[in-house]
Amino acid sequence: MKICLVNGSPKKKGSASGWFIAELQKLLPAQAQTAVLESASYTGKPFLEQLCDCDALVFVFPLYVDAAPSHLVRILTELEAVAAGKKQKPVVYTVVNCGFFETKQNRYALQIMRHFCRRAGFPWGEGVAVGGGGFLGQSVGIPLDASPKKSLCAAFTAFAASIAQGKTGGEDRYVEPNIPRFLYFHVANYGWKRQGKQNGLGKKALYRTWEKKS
């Protein structure tokens, strides 16, 4: 079985999507042939042909304004044209993650991927919507099977099994971090302040920037 995993993040390195792909790979059958393609390094038709030449196609990307990143939308548009003449098309699976704690924010992005499959003639497998993606994907020191990530671990285990079986028409899975919502926001706010400090901005400067945008 050939499985192609597409990192749909615009980042060339250090993306949460990359971490999700790495963890998912560990759960896929050892005998499966897996390849990871970076959408940020898109090369045109050779890239698209590789996507078509597999049994399962797994898109993993961050939520951008309730949809996929624009560069990935362009790839999907071009993929539709290339795949039009193919008799066999891979089953499409999708993982969408967002910075919101509430995983339901990803529902429209999954619907978009379903519509793409219907329009382009790809079989739809199933999707995983991940809330708190920044925490789950960037806390690399916390193993997938640790308590804060137990829901993600269960979802990914079942998701990987569906991919291995070539399952189509499955139910989407919605996952949030196994920590209190208030704690998630506390950690996120601390992260913003630390990034601001690293870039020469103190608390007052950050608040002034926020007030201007508000």
C-alpha atoms as a PDB file:
ATOM      1  CA  MET A   1       0.000   0.000   0.000  1.00  0.00           C
ATOM      2  CA  LYS A   2       1.314   3.439  -0.948  1.00  0.00           C
ATOM      3  CA  ILE A   3       0.411   6.330   1.336  1.00  0.00           C
ATOM      4  CA  CYS A   4       1.285   9.942   0.579  1.00  0.00           C
ATOM      5  CA  LEU A   5       1.124  12.491   3.401  1.00  0.00           C
ATOM      6  CA  VAL A   6       1.036  16.154   2.390  1.00  0.00           C
ATOM      7  CA  ASN A   7       2.157  18.804   4.844  1.00  0.00           C
ATOM      8  CA  GLY A   8      -0.142  21.688   3.949  1.00  0.00           C
ATOM      9  CA  SER A   9       1.546  24.239   6.196  1.00  0.00           C
ATOM     10  CA  PRO A  10       3.180  27.235   4.469  1.00  0.00           C
ATOM     11  CA  LYS A  11       6.090  26.865   6.910  1.00  0.00           C
ATOM     12  CA  LYS A  12       9.133  25.048   5.537  1.00  0.00           C
ATOM     13  CA  LYS A  13      10.113  23.725   8.973  1.00  0.00           C
ATOM     14  CA  GLY A  14       8.878  23.585  12.551  1.00  0.00           C
ATOM     15  CA  SER A  15       5.160  23.361  11.753  1.00  0.00           C
ATOM     16  CA  ALA A  16       2.562  21.668  13.951  1.00  0.00           C
ATOM     17  CA  SER A  17       1.354  19.863  10.817  1.00  0.00           C
ATOM     18  CA  GLY A  18       4.797  18.284  10.503  1.00  0.00           C
ATOM     19  CA  TRP A  19       4.521  16.926  14.042  1.00  0.00           C
ATOM     20  CA  PHE A  20       1.061  15.491  13.361  1.00  0.00           C
ATOM     21  CA  ILE A  21       2.406  13.735  10.257  1.00  0.00           C
ATOM     22  CA  ALA A  22       5.359  12.276  12.170  1.00  0.00           C
ATOM     23  CA  GLU A  23       3.064  10.869  14.867  1.00  0.00           C
ATOM     24  CA  LEU A  24       0.601   9.494  12.326  1.00  0.00           C
ATOM     25  CA  GLN A  25       3.403   7.734  10.447  1.00  0.00           C
ATOM     26  CA  LYS A  26       4.286   5.787  13.597  1.00  0.00           C
ATOM     27  CA  LEU A  27       0.745   4.364  13.696  1.00  0.00           C
ATOM     28  CA  LEU A  28       0.581   3.282  10.041  1.00  0.00           C
ATOM     29  CA  PRO A  29       1.447  -0.313   9.064  1.00  0.00           C
ATOM     30  CA  ALA A  30       5.195  -0.957   8.907  1.00  0.00           C
ATOM     31  CA  GLN A  31       4.828  -2.624   5.510  1.00  0.00           C
ATOM     32  CA  ALA A  32       3.145   0.413   3.949  1.00  0.00           C
ATOM     33  CA  GLN A  33       5.171   2.652   1.640  1.00  0.00           C
ATOM     34  CA  THR A  34       4.855   6.179   3.009  1.00  0.00           C
ATOM     35  CA  ALA A  35       6.082   9.426   1.483  1.00  0.00           C
ATOM     36  CA  VAL A  36       5.875  12.925   2.950  1.00  0.00           C
ATOM     37  CA  LEU A  37       5.562  15.876   0.583  1.00  0.00           C
ATOM     38  CA  GLU A  38       5.931  19.505   1.672  1.00  0.00           C
ATOM     39  CA  SER A  39       3.408  21.809  -0.002  1.00  0.00           C
ATOM     40  CA  ALA A  40       5.724  24.736   0.775  1.00  0.00           C
ATOM     41  CA  SER A  41       8.179  23.153  -1.709  1.00  0.00           C
ATOM     42  CA  TYR A  42       5.612  22.612  -4.457  1.00  0.00           C
ATOM     43  CA  THR A  43       7.235  21.649  -7.790  1.00  0.00           C
ATOM     44  CA  GLY A  44       4.283  21.548 -10.168  1.00  0.00           C
ATOM     45  CA  LYS A  45       3.265  18.515 -12.226  1.00  0.00           C
ATOM     46  CA  PRO A  46       5.839  16.033 -10.786  1.00  0.00           C
ATOM     47  CA  PHE A  47       4.435  16.837  -7.327  1.00  0.00           C
ATOM     48  CA  LEU A  48       0.853  16.306  -8.529  1.00  0.00           C
ATOM     49  CA  GLU A  49       1.689  13.055 -10.324  1.00  0.00           C
ATOM     50  CA  GLN A  50       3.150  11.691  -7.107  1.00  0.00           C
ATOM     51  CA  LEU A  51      -0.085  12.556  -5.315  1.00  0.00           C
ATOM     52  CA  CYS A  52      -2.091  10.613  -7.881  1.00  0.00           C
ATOM     53  CA  ASP A  53       0.232   7.605  -7.790  1.00  0.00           C
ATOM     54  CA  CYS A  54      -0.747   6.295  -4.366  1.00  0.00           C
ATOM     55  CA  ASP A  55      -3.555   4.397  -2.650  1.00  0.00           C
ATOM     56  CA  ALA A  56      -4.187   6.896   0.157  1.00  0.00           C
ATOM     57  CA  LEU A  57      -3.650  10.637   0.124  1.00  0.00           C
ATOM     58  CA  VAL A  58      -3.512  12.342   3.540  1.00  0.00           C
ATOM     59  CA  PHE A  59      -3.661  16.150   3.720  1.00  0.00           C
ATOM     60  CA  VAL A  60      -2.544  17.702   7.009  1.00  0.00           C
ATOM     61  CA  PHE A  61      -2.852  21.467   7.315  1.00  0.00           C
ATOM     62  CA  PRO A  62      -3.579  24.394   9.676  1.00  0.00           C
ATOM     63  CA  LEU A  63      -6.862  26.274   9.551  1.00  0.00           C
ATOM     64  CA  TYR A  64      -6.651  29.600   7.700  1.00  0.00           C
ATOM     65  CA  VAL A  65      -9.826  31.723   7.987  1.00  0.00           C
ATOM     66  CA  ASP A  66     -12.052  28.633   8.264  1.00  0.00           C
ATOM     67  CA  ALA A  67     -10.405  27.074   5.188  1.00  0.00           C
ATOM     68  CA  ALA A  68      -7.161  25.639   3.843  1.00  0.00           C
ATOM     69  CA  PRO A  69      -4.097  27.870   3.255  1.00  0.00           C
ATOM     70  CA  SER A  70      -4.290  29.599  -0.140  1.00  0.00           C
ATOM     71  CA  HIS A  71      -1.227  27.848  -1.575  1.00  0.00           C
ATOM     72  CA  LEU A  72      -2.814  24.474  -0.768  1.00  0.00           C
ATOM     73  CA  VAL A  73      -6.067  25.531  -2.454  1.00  0.00           C
ATOM     74  CA  ARG A  74      -4.039  26.263  -5.589  1.00  0.00           C
ATOM     75  CA  ILE A  75      -2.462  22.799  -5.400  1.00  0.00           C
ATOM     76  CA  LEU A  76      -5.905  21.193  -5.058  1.00  0.00           C
ATOM     77  CA  THR A  77      -7.162  23.131  -8.087  1.00  0.00           C
ATOM     78  CA  GLU A  78      -4.239  21.931 -10.194  1.00  0.00           C
ATOM     79  CA  LEU A  79      -4.544  18.399  -8.792  1.00  0.00           C
ATOM     80  CA  GLU A  80      -8.145  18.240 -10.006  1.00  0.00           C
ATOM     81  CA  ALA A  81      -7.004  18.949 -13.576  1.00  0.00           C
ATOM     82  CA  VAL A  82      -4.169  16.401 -13.496  1.00  0.00           C
ATOM     83  CA  ALA A  83      -6.338  13.693 -11.939  1.00  0.00           C
ATOM     84  CA  ALA A  84      -9.179  14.181 -14.447  1.00  0.00           C
ATOM     85  CA  GLY A  85      -7.702  11.614 -16.822  1.00  0.00           C
ATOM     86  CA  LYS A  86      -6.850   9.022 -14.156  1.00  0.00           C
ATOM     87  CA  LYS A  87      -8.971   5.869 -13.944  1.00  0.00           C
ATOM     88  CA  GLN A  88      -7.983   5.178 -10.354  1.00  0.00           C
ATOM     89  CA  LYS A  89      -7.741   7.916  -7.734  1.00  0.00           C
ATOM     90  CA  PRO A  90      -6.441   7.623  -4.164  1.00  0.00           C
ATOM     91  CA  VAL A  91      -8.740   7.843  -1.157  1.00  0.00           C
ATOM     92  CA  VAL A  92      -8.417  11.265   0.467  1.00  0.00           C
ATOM     93  CA  TYR A  93      -8.054  11.684   4.238  1.00  0.00           C
ATOM     94  CA  THR A  94      -7.585  14.987   6.066  1.00  0.00           C
ATOM     95  CA  VAL A  95      -6.277  16.346   9.359  1.00  0.00           C
ATOM     96  CA  VAL A  96      -7.067  20.016  10.100  1.00  0.00           C
ATOM     97  CA  ASN A  97      -5.718  21.770  13.172  1.00  0.00           C
ATOM     98  CA  CYS A  98      -6.463  25.233  14.533  1.00  0.00           C
ATOM     99  CA  GLY A  99      -5.254  27.474  17.327  1.00  0.00           C
ATOM    100  CA  PHE A 100      -8.764  27.730  18.791  1.00  0.00           C
ATOM    101  CA  PHE A 101      -9.421  25.383  21.692  1.00  0.00           C
ATOM    102  CA  GLU A 102     -12.811  24.507  20.186  1.00  0.00           C
ATOM    103  CA  THR A 103     -12.334  21.841  17.524  1.00  0.00           C
ATOM    104  CA  LYS A 104     -15.661  22.686  15.851  1.00  0.00           C
ATOM    105  CA  GLN A 105     -13.900  25.667  14.226  1.00  0.00           C
ATOM    106  CA  ASN A 106     -12.419  23.146  11.759  1.00  0.00           C
ATOM    107  CA  ARG A 107     -15.746  21.810  10.489  1.00  0.00           C
ATOM    108  CA  TYR A 108     -15.965  24.074   7.429  1.00  0.00           C
ATOM    109  CA  ALA A 109     -12.447  23.159   6.305  1.00  0.00           C
ATOM    110  CA  LEU A 110     -13.406  19.475   6.400  1.00  0.00           C
ATOM    111  CA  GLN A 111     -16.530  20.274   4.397  1.00  0.00           C
ATOM    112  CA  ILE A 112     -14.359  22.044   1.824  1.00  0.00           C
ATOM    113  CA  MET A 113     -12.209  18.932   1.465  1.00  0.00           C
ATOM    114  CA  ARG A 114     -15.333  16.781   1.057  1.00  0.00           C
ATOM    115  CA  HIS A 115     -16.603  19.124  -1.685  1.00  0.00           C
ATOM    116  CA  PHE A 116     -13.223  18.983  -3.408  1.00  0.00           C
ATOM    117  CA  CYS A 117     -13.357  15.176  -3.461  1.00  0.00           C
ATOM    118  CA  ARG A 118     -16.902  15.193  -4.826  1.00  0.00           C
ATOM    119  CA  ARG A 119     -16.011  17.673  -7.568  1.00  0.00           C
ATOM    120  CA  ALA A 120     -12.684  16.081  -8.551  1.00  0.00           C
ATOM    121  CA  GLY A 121     -13.863  12.467  -8.289  1.00  0.00           C
ATOM    122  CA  PHE A 122     -11.660  11.406  -5.385  1.00  0.00           C
ATOM    123  CA  PRO A 123     -13.099   8.904  -2.868  1.00  0.00           C
ATOM    124  CA  TRP A 124     -13.485  10.567   0.539  1.00  0.00           C
ATOM    125  CA  GLY A 125     -12.117   8.653   3.498  1.00  0.00           C
ATOM    126  CA  GLU A 126     -12.585  10.609   6.708  1.00  0.00           C
ATOM    127  CA  GLY A 127     -11.158  13.555   8.614  1.00  0.00           C
ATOM    128  CA  VAL A 128      -9.756  14.520  11.991  1.00  0.00           C
ATOM    129  CA  ALA A 129     -10.382  18.033  13.342  1.00  0.00           C
ATOM    130  CA  VAL A 130      -7.926  19.113  16.039  1.00  0.00           C
ATOM    131  CA  GLY A 131      -8.561  22.004  18.403  1.00  0.00           C
ATOM    132  CA  GLY A 132      -5.647  23.513  20.315  1.00  0.00           C
ATOM    133  CA  GLY A 133      -3.332  22.490  17.494  1.00  0.00           C
ATOM    134  CA  GLY A 134      -0.572  24.849  18.580  1.00  0.00           C
ATOM    135  CA  PHE A 135      -0.348  23.164  21.984  1.00  0.00           C
ATOM    136  CA  LEU A 136      -0.753  19.587  20.751  1.00  0.00           C
ATOM    137  CA  GLY A 137       1.573  19.964  17.793  1.00  0.00           C
ATOM    138  CA  GLN A 138       4.300  22.111  19.339  1.00  0.00           C
ATOM    139  CA  SER A 139       4.643  20.379  22.731  1.00  0.00           C
ATOM    140  CA  VAL A 140       7.028  17.840  21.211  1.00  0.00           C
ATOM    141  CA  GLY A 141       8.305  16.844  24.644  1.00  0.00           C
ATOM    142  CA  ILE A 142       4.902  15.376  25.531  1.00  0.00           C
ATOM    143  CA  PRO A 143       4.410  11.909  23.953  1.00  0.00           C
ATOM    144  CA  LEU A 144       1.260  11.219  21.954  1.00  0.00           C
ATOM    145  CA  ASP A 145       0.052   8.676  24.516  1.00  0.00           C
ATOM    146  CA  ALA A 146       0.508  11.060  27.481  1.00  0.00           C
ATOM    147  CA  SER A 147      -2.533  12.302  29.390  1.00  0.00           C
ATOM    148  CA  PRO A 148      -2.885  15.787  27.755  1.00  0.00           C
ATOM    149  CA  LYS A 149      -2.992  14.107  24.323  1.00  0.00           C
ATOM    150  CA  LYS A 150      -4.988  10.953  25.061  1.00  0.00           C
ATOM    151  CA  SER A 151      -7.971  12.011  22.900  1.00  0.00           C
ATOM    152  CA  LEU A 152      -5.671  12.785  19.982  1.00  0.00           C
ATOM    153  CA  CYS A 153      -3.916   9.450  20.454  1.00  0.00           C
ATOM    154  CA  ALA A 154      -7.222   7.553  20.341  1.00  0.00           C
ATOM    155  CA  ALA A 155      -8.400   9.494  17.266  1.00  0.00           C
ATOM    156  CA  PHE A 156      -5.114   9.022  15.396  1.00  0.00           C
ATOM    157  CA  THR A 157      -5.004   5.305  16.210  1.00  0.00           C
ATOM    158  CA  ALA A 158      -8.475   4.789  14.727  1.00  0.00           C
ATOM    159  CA  PHE A 159      -7.678   7.166  11.850  1.00  0.00           C
ATOM    160  CA  ALA A 160      -4.511   5.240  10.934  1.00  0.00           C
ATOM    161  CA  ALA A 161      -6.498   1.987  10.976  1.00  0.00           C
ATOM    162  CA  SER A 162      -9.040   3.494   8.548  1.00  0.00           C
ATOM    163  CA  ILE A 163      -6.235   4.579   6.212  1.00  0.00           C
ATOM    164  CA  ALA A 164      -4.652   1.106   6.308  1.00  0.00           C
ATOM    165  CA  GLN A 165      -8.020  -0.482   5.481  1.00  0.00           C
ATOM    166  CA  GLY A 166      -8.771   2.007   2.693  1.00  0.00           C
ATOM    167  CA  LYS A 167     -12.007   2.924   4.468  1.00  0.00           C
ATOM    168  CA  THR A 168     -14.278   5.444   2.734  1.00  0.00           C
ATOM    169  CA  GLY A 169     -17.221   7.512   3.935  1.00  0.00           C
ATOM    170  CA  GLY A 170     -16.123   7.433   7.579  1.00  0.00           C
ATOM    171  CA  GLU A 171     -17.256   9.791  10.322  1.00  0.00           C
ATOM    172  CA  ASP A 172     -15.034  12.781  11.062  1.00  0.00           C
ATOM    173  CA  ARG A 173     -13.381  12.841  14.473  1.00  0.00           C
ATOM    174  CA  TYR A 174     -13.218  15.994  16.620  1.00  0.00           C
ATOM    175  CA  VAL A 175     -10.407  16.294  19.173  1.00  0.00           C
ATOM    176  CA  GLU A 176      -9.478  18.844  21.838  1.00  0.00           C
ATOM    177  CA  PRO A 177      -6.568  18.860  24.338  1.00  0.00           C
ATOM    178  CA  ASN A 178      -7.216  16.959  27.558  1.00  0.00           C
ATOM    179  CA  ILE A 179      -6.563  20.008  29.703  1.00  0.00           C
ATOM    180  CA  PRO A 180      -8.944  22.653  31.117  1.00  0.00           C
ATOM    181  CA  ARG A 181      -9.832  25.430  28.681  1.00  0.00           C
ATOM    182  CA  PHE A 182      -8.625  28.172  31.059  1.00  0.00           C
ATOM    183  CA  LEU A 183      -5.231  26.467  31.351  1.00  0.00           C
ATOM    184  CA  TYR A 184      -4.903  26.336  27.570  1.00  0.00           C
ATOM    185  CA  PHE A 185      -5.476  30.097  27.347  1.00  0.00           C
ATOM    186  CA  HIS A 186      -3.014  30.731  30.172  1.00  0.00           C
ATOM    187  CA  VAL A 187      -0.293  28.775  28.348  1.00  0.00           C
ATOM    188  CA  ALA A 188      -1.142  30.477  25.028  1.00  0.00           C
ATOM    189  CA  ASN A 189      -0.933  33.968  26.550  1.00  0.00           C
ATOM    190  CA  TYR A 190       2.403  33.115  28.142  1.00  0.00           C
ATOM    191  CA  GLY A 191       3.648  31.962  24.728  1.00  0.00           C
ATOM    192  CA  TRP A 192       2.648  35.241  23.053  1.00  0.00           C
ATOM    193  CA  LYS A 193       4.425  37.278  25.733  1.00  0.00           C
ATOM    194  CA  ARG A 194       7.570  35.165  25.427  1.00  0.00           C
ATOM    195  CA  GLN A 195       7.599  35.564  21.626  1.00  0.00           C
ATOM    196  CA  GLY A 196       7.108  39.299  22.013  1.00  0.00           C
ATOM    197  CA  LYS A 197      10.056  39.510  24.417  1.00  0.00           C
ATOM    198  CA  GLN A 198      12.232  37.535  21.995  1.00  0.00           C
ATOM    199  CA  ASN A 199      11.371  40.118  19.328  1.00  0.00           C
ATOM    200  CA  GLY A 200      12.050  43.132  21.502  1.00  0.00           C
ATOM    201  CA  LEU A 201       8.461  43.818  22.622  1.00  0.00           C
ATOM    202  CA  GLY A 202       7.474  44.124  26.259  1.00  0.00           C
ATOM    203  CA  LYS A 203       3.992  43.674  27.767  1.00  0.00           C
ATOM    204  CA  LYS A 204       3.084  47.357  27.325  1.00  0.00           C
ATOM    205  CA  ALA A 205       4.039  47.315  23.650  1.00  0.00           C
ATOM    206  CA  LEU A 206       1.974  44.192  23.054  1.00  0.00           C
ATOM    207  CA  TYR A 207      -1.074  45.707  24.728  1.00  0.00           C
ATOM    208  CA  ARG A 208      -0.688  48.944  22.739  1.00  0.00           C
ATOM    209  CA  THR A 209      -0.561  46.916  19.507  1.00  0.00           C
ATOM    210  CA  TRP A 210      -3.694  45.023  20.536  1.00  0.00           C
ATOM    211  CA  GLU A 211      -5.559  48.253  21.398  1.00  0.00           C
ATOM    212  CA  LYS A 212      -4.726  49.757  17.980  1.00  0.00           C
ATOM    213  CA  LYS A 213      -6.034  46.675  16.172  1.00  0.00           C
ATOM    214  CA  SER A 214      -9.185  46.609  18.314  1.00  0.00           C
END
